[in-house]
Amino acid sequence: PRPPLPCYFISMGINDDPSFDRIVADRWGCRGFGGDPTVEMNSKIHPNATFHNIGGTMIQDNEEREKNKGGRVEWWLTSMPALKKFLKIPKVDVLKLDCEGCEIAFTRDILAEEPDFLKTVTQVSIETHVTRTWINSTKVLYYFALQFPLLEEAGFELKLTHIFGCSKVHEVPGCMPQLEEWNFPCGYKPWPGKTRVVIGRS
C-alpha cells in the first residue's frame, strides 16, 4: 500500500536494473537509496532516488565478491540500521534486500545495533537463498532462520511469495539437512535442452 508522505525506501542489490527504485519514487513520491557494489551506474537514477556503490554487510563473502564482480577493491558495506542513521530518516517505508547474502547478516545487525529497527519499517521485500552456495554453516543457518521470528514479532504478515531456482552451479550443492528436514524448497530437476540452468525449487 502507498505510504503517507514523506516516505523513504532502501533498495540493496539493484544490479543494473533500477526499475523498482524508479517506480517507487515516481508513483509514491518516496525518496530512495539504491545500493550495489557490483555495478557502475549514474548516481541520479530519479529526482527522488540515488544510486551508490555500497552493499549490505554480509556474514561471509558471496560468489560475486569472490569473483571480484565490480572490481578487486574491497567493497564498502553498511548495515541497514547504520544506513538509516546516516540518512537521518525516522523510518523506512519500503526495505528491499536482493543482495545475495546481506539478507542473512541483516538479522545479526539489527540485534546488535538497533533491536527495534523492524518497528520503524513498514514493508519488506527479501530475496533469500537456501542452497549450500549461500547457507553452508550452522552460524549462517542460524541468522537465516532468525529472519522469520523477528519479522513475525515485529508484526509483519506475508503478502506475496515466489519460489524459483538459480543456475545449475548454485542448485547442485543442495541444502543443509536441517533445511530439508524443515521442508524448505530444496532440489532441482534437469531442464531439457539446457546445460547451465536447471528447474530449481530454492
Protein backbone atom coordinates (compact mmCIF):
# COMPACT_ATOMS: atom_id res chain seq x y z
CA PRO A 1 0.00 0.00 0.00
CA ARG A 2 1.04 3.59 -0.63
CA PRO A 3 2.72 5.06 2.46
CA PRO A 4 1.96 8.59 3.63
CA LEU A 5 4.40 11.34 2.68
CA PRO A 6 7.16 11.90 3.42
CA CYS A 7 8.21 8.32 2.69
CA TYR A 8 11.58 6.64 2.29
CA PHE A 9 12.91 3.43 0.81
CA ILE A 10 16.16 1.48 0.81
CA SER A 11 16.89 -0.89 -2.05
CA MET A 12 20.01 -3.04 -1.75
CA GLY A 13 21.23 -5.19 -4.63
CA ILE A 14 19.68 -3.43 -7.61
CA ASN A 15 22.26 -4.81 -10.07
CA ASP A 16 21.86 -2.93 -13.36
CA ASP A 17 18.09 -2.58 -13.09
CA PRO A 18 16.83 0.42 -11.06
CA SER A 19 13.25 -0.01 -12.30
CA PHE A 20 11.90 -0.86 -8.83
CA ASP A 21 13.50 2.25 -7.37
CA ARG A 22 12.15 4.48 -10.13
CA ILE A 23 8.63 3.08 -9.81
CA VAL A 24 8.50 3.60 -6.03
CA ALA A 25 9.98 7.08 -6.36
CA ASP A 26 7.67 8.01 -9.23
CA ARG A 27 4.35 6.50 -8.15
CA TRP A 28 4.60 7.12 -4.43
CA GLY A 29 6.91 10.13 -4.34
CA CYS A 30 9.25 8.42 -1.87
CA ARG A 31 12.90 9.36 -1.52
CA GLY A 32 15.19 6.40 -2.01
CA PHE A 33 18.68 4.98 -1.62
CA GLY A 34 19.75 2.26 -4.06
CA GLY A 35 22.93 0.33 -3.39
CA ASP A 36 25.01 -2.30 -5.16
CA PRO A 37 28.81 -2.64 -5.06
CA THR A 38 28.99 -4.80 -8.20
CA VAL A 39 27.86 -2.40 -10.95
CA GLU A 40 28.54 1.05 -12.34
CA MET A 41 25.64 3.41 -12.77
CA ASN A 42 24.90 7.12 -12.71
CA SER A 43 24.11 8.30 -9.20
CA LYS A 44 20.92 10.15 -10.07
CA ILE A 45 18.51 7.41 -11.14
CA HIS A 46 15.42 9.52 -10.39
CA PRO A 47 14.82 13.00 -8.99
CA ASN A 48 13.90 11.31 -5.70
CA ALA A 49 16.37 8.41 -5.75
CA THR A 50 20.14 7.96 -5.90
CA PHE A 51 22.43 5.01 -6.61
CA HIS A 52 25.61 4.20 -4.65
CA ASN A 53 28.40 1.59 -4.95
CA ILE A 54 27.67 0.38 -1.43
CA GLY A 55 26.43 -3.04 -0.38
CA GLY A 56 24.83 -4.55 2.68
CA THR A 57 27.06 -6.23 5.25
CA MET A 58 27.48 -9.98 4.92
CA ILE A 59 28.48 -12.82 7.21
CA GLN A 60 30.68 -14.36 4.54
CA ASP A 61 31.82 -13.38 1.06
CA ASN A 62 29.34 -14.27 -1.64
CA GLU A 63 30.10 -15.54 -5.13
CA GLU A 64 30.17 -12.03 -6.59
CA ARG A 65 32.76 -10.91 -4.06
CA GLU A 66 34.89 -14.00 -4.65
CA LYS A 67 34.84 -13.33 -8.41
CA ASN A 68 35.60 -9.62 -7.86
CA LYS A 69 32.46 -8.51 -9.64
CA GLY A 70 32.64 -4.75 -9.55
CA GLY A 71 36.42 -4.77 -9.21
CA ARG A 72 39.12 -6.05 -6.88
CA VAL A 73 38.89 -3.12 -4.47
CA GLU A 74 37.26 -4.03 -1.17
CA TRP A 75 33.55 -3.25 -1.17
CA TRP A 76 32.11 -0.56 1.04
CA LEU A 77 29.38 -2.24 3.09
CA THR A 78 26.84 -0.99 5.59
CA SER A 79 24.23 -2.45 7.87
CA MET A 80 20.64 -1.29 7.44
CA PRO A 81 20.44 0.35 10.90
CA ALA A 82 23.69 2.23 10.19
CA LEU A 83 22.42 3.34 6.78
CA LYS A 84 19.14 4.59 8.24
CA LYS A 85 21.08 6.55 10.83
CA PHE A 86 23.42 8.00 8.18
CA LEU A 87 20.48 9.10 6.03
CA LYS A 88 18.84 10.68 9.10
CA ILE A 89 15.45 9.22 8.26
CA PRO A 90 12.98 8.32 11.03
CA LYS A 91 11.52 5.30 9.22
CA VAL A 92 11.89 3.04 6.19
CA ASP A 93 8.61 2.66 4.36
CA VAL A 94 9.96 0.06 1.91
CA LEU A 95 13.05 -2.08 2.52
CA LYS A 96 14.15 -4.30 -0.39
CA LEU A 97 17.03 -6.76 0.10
CA ASP A 98 18.14 -8.61 -3.04
CA CYS A 99 21.82 -8.76 -2.26
CA GLU A 100 22.94 -12.40 -2.34
CA GLY A 101 23.73 -12.76 1.34
CA CYS A 102 23.19 -9.44 3.08
CA GLU A 103 19.68 -10.56 4.00
CA ILE A 104 21.27 -13.12 6.33
CA ALA A 105 23.55 -10.60 8.06
CA PHE A 106 20.53 -8.30 8.36
CA THR A 107 19.22 -10.15 11.42
CA ARG A 108 22.61 -10.11 13.12
CA ASP A 109 22.98 -6.40 12.50
CA ILE A 110 19.62 -5.28 13.81
CA LEU A 111 20.04 -7.31 17.01
CA ALA A 112 23.50 -5.83 17.57
CA GLU A 113 22.79 -2.24 16.53
CA GLU A 114 19.07 -1.45 16.75
CA PRO A 115 16.83 -4.20 18.12
CA ASP A 116 13.69 -2.18 17.37
CA PHE A 117 14.73 -1.45 13.78
CA LEU A 118 11.93 -3.50 12.23
CA LYS A 119 9.37 -1.45 14.15
CA THR A 120 10.47 1.52 12.03
CA VAL A 121 9.95 -0.42 8.76
CA THR A 122 6.57 -0.63 7.04
CA GLN A 123 7.09 -3.04 4.12
CA VAL A 124 9.84 -5.56 3.44
CA SER A 125 10.79 -7.41 0.25
CA ILE A 126 13.52 -10.02 0.71
CA GLU A 127 15.07 -12.47 -1.73
CA THR A 128 16.54 -15.43 0.14
CA HIS A 129 18.56 -18.47 -0.93
CA VAL A 130 18.63 -21.84 0.79
CA THR A 131 21.22 -24.00 -1.00
CA ARG A 132 24.73 -24.61 0.34
CA THR A 133 26.01 -21.97 -2.06
CA TRP A 134 24.74 -19.47 0.50
CA ILE A 135 23.85 -21.41 3.67
CA ASN A 136 26.77 -23.68 4.48
CA SER A 137 27.34 -23.44 8.23
CA THR A 138 25.38 -23.52 11.47
CA LYS A 139 26.12 -19.83 12.03
CA VAL A 140 24.71 -18.77 8.66
CA LEU A 141 21.74 -21.10 9.09
CA TYR A 142 21.01 -19.55 12.50
CA TYR A 143 20.85 -15.99 11.18
CA PHE A 144 18.88 -17.08 8.11
CA ALA A 145 16.25 -18.78 10.28
CA LEU A 146 16.13 -15.82 12.64
CA GLN A 147 14.57 -13.67 9.91
CA PHE A 148 11.21 -15.34 10.32
CA PRO A 149 10.54 -14.92 14.06
CA LEU A 150 11.93 -11.38 14.02
CA LEU A 151 9.62 -10.34 11.19
CA GLU A 152 6.66 -12.06 12.83
CA GLU A 153 7.46 -10.50 16.18
CA ALA A 154 7.53 -7.05 14.58
CA GLY A 155 4.03 -7.61 13.20
CA PHE A 156 4.78 -8.36 9.56
CA GLU A 157 2.43 -10.57 7.55
CA LEU A 158 3.32 -12.49 4.38
CA LYS A 159 1.50 -10.96 1.42
CA LEU A 160 3.28 -12.45 -1.60
CA THR A 161 5.89 -15.12 -2.20
CA HIS A 162 7.54 -16.74 -5.21
CA ILE A 163 9.76 -19.83 -5.30
CA PHE A 164 12.17 -20.22 -8.20
CA GLY A 165 15.55 -21.73 -8.91
CA CYS A 166 19.02 -20.44 -9.76
CA SER A 167 21.66 -21.55 -12.20
CA LYS A 168 22.79 -25.16 -12.08
CA VAL A 169 26.04 -24.42 -10.26
CA HIS A 170 24.02 -22.88 -7.41
CA GLU A 171 21.41 -25.62 -7.15
CA VAL A 172 23.59 -28.74 -7.45
CA PRO A 173 25.19 -28.42 -3.96
CA GLY A 174 21.78 -28.99 -2.37
CA CYS A 175 20.73 -27.84 1.09
CA MET A 176 21.89 -28.44 4.64
CA PRO A 177 19.98 -31.37 6.16
CA GLN A 178 18.17 -29.10 8.63
CA LEU A 179 16.55 -27.18 5.79
CA GLU A 180 15.44 -30.37 4.10
CA GLU A 181 14.08 -31.64 7.41
CA TRP A 182 12.07 -28.42 7.81
CA ASN A 183 10.66 -28.84 4.27
CA PHE A 184 12.34 -25.85 2.71
CA PRO A 185 12.21 -25.93 -1.11
CA CYS A 186 15.46 -27.73 -1.92
CA GLY A 187 16.40 -29.67 -5.01
CA TYR A 188 16.10 -29.38 -8.76
CA LYS A 189 15.41 -31.33 -11.90
CA PRO A 190 17.09 -31.17 -15.33
CA TRP A 191 15.87 -28.61 -17.83
CA PRO A 192 15.69 -30.35 -21.22
CA GLY A 193 17.98 -28.72 -23.73
CA LYS A 194 19.72 -26.57 -21.12
CA THR A 195 23.20 -27.30 -19.76
CA ARG A 196 23.83 -24.41 -17.38
CA VAL A 197 20.44 -23.93 -15.80
CA VAL A 198 18.05 -26.30 -14.08
CA ILE A 199 14.47 -26.17 -12.91
CA GLY A 200 15.09 -25.39 -9.27
CA ARG A 201 12.87 -25.08 -6.26
CA SER A 202 15.01 -22.94 -3.99
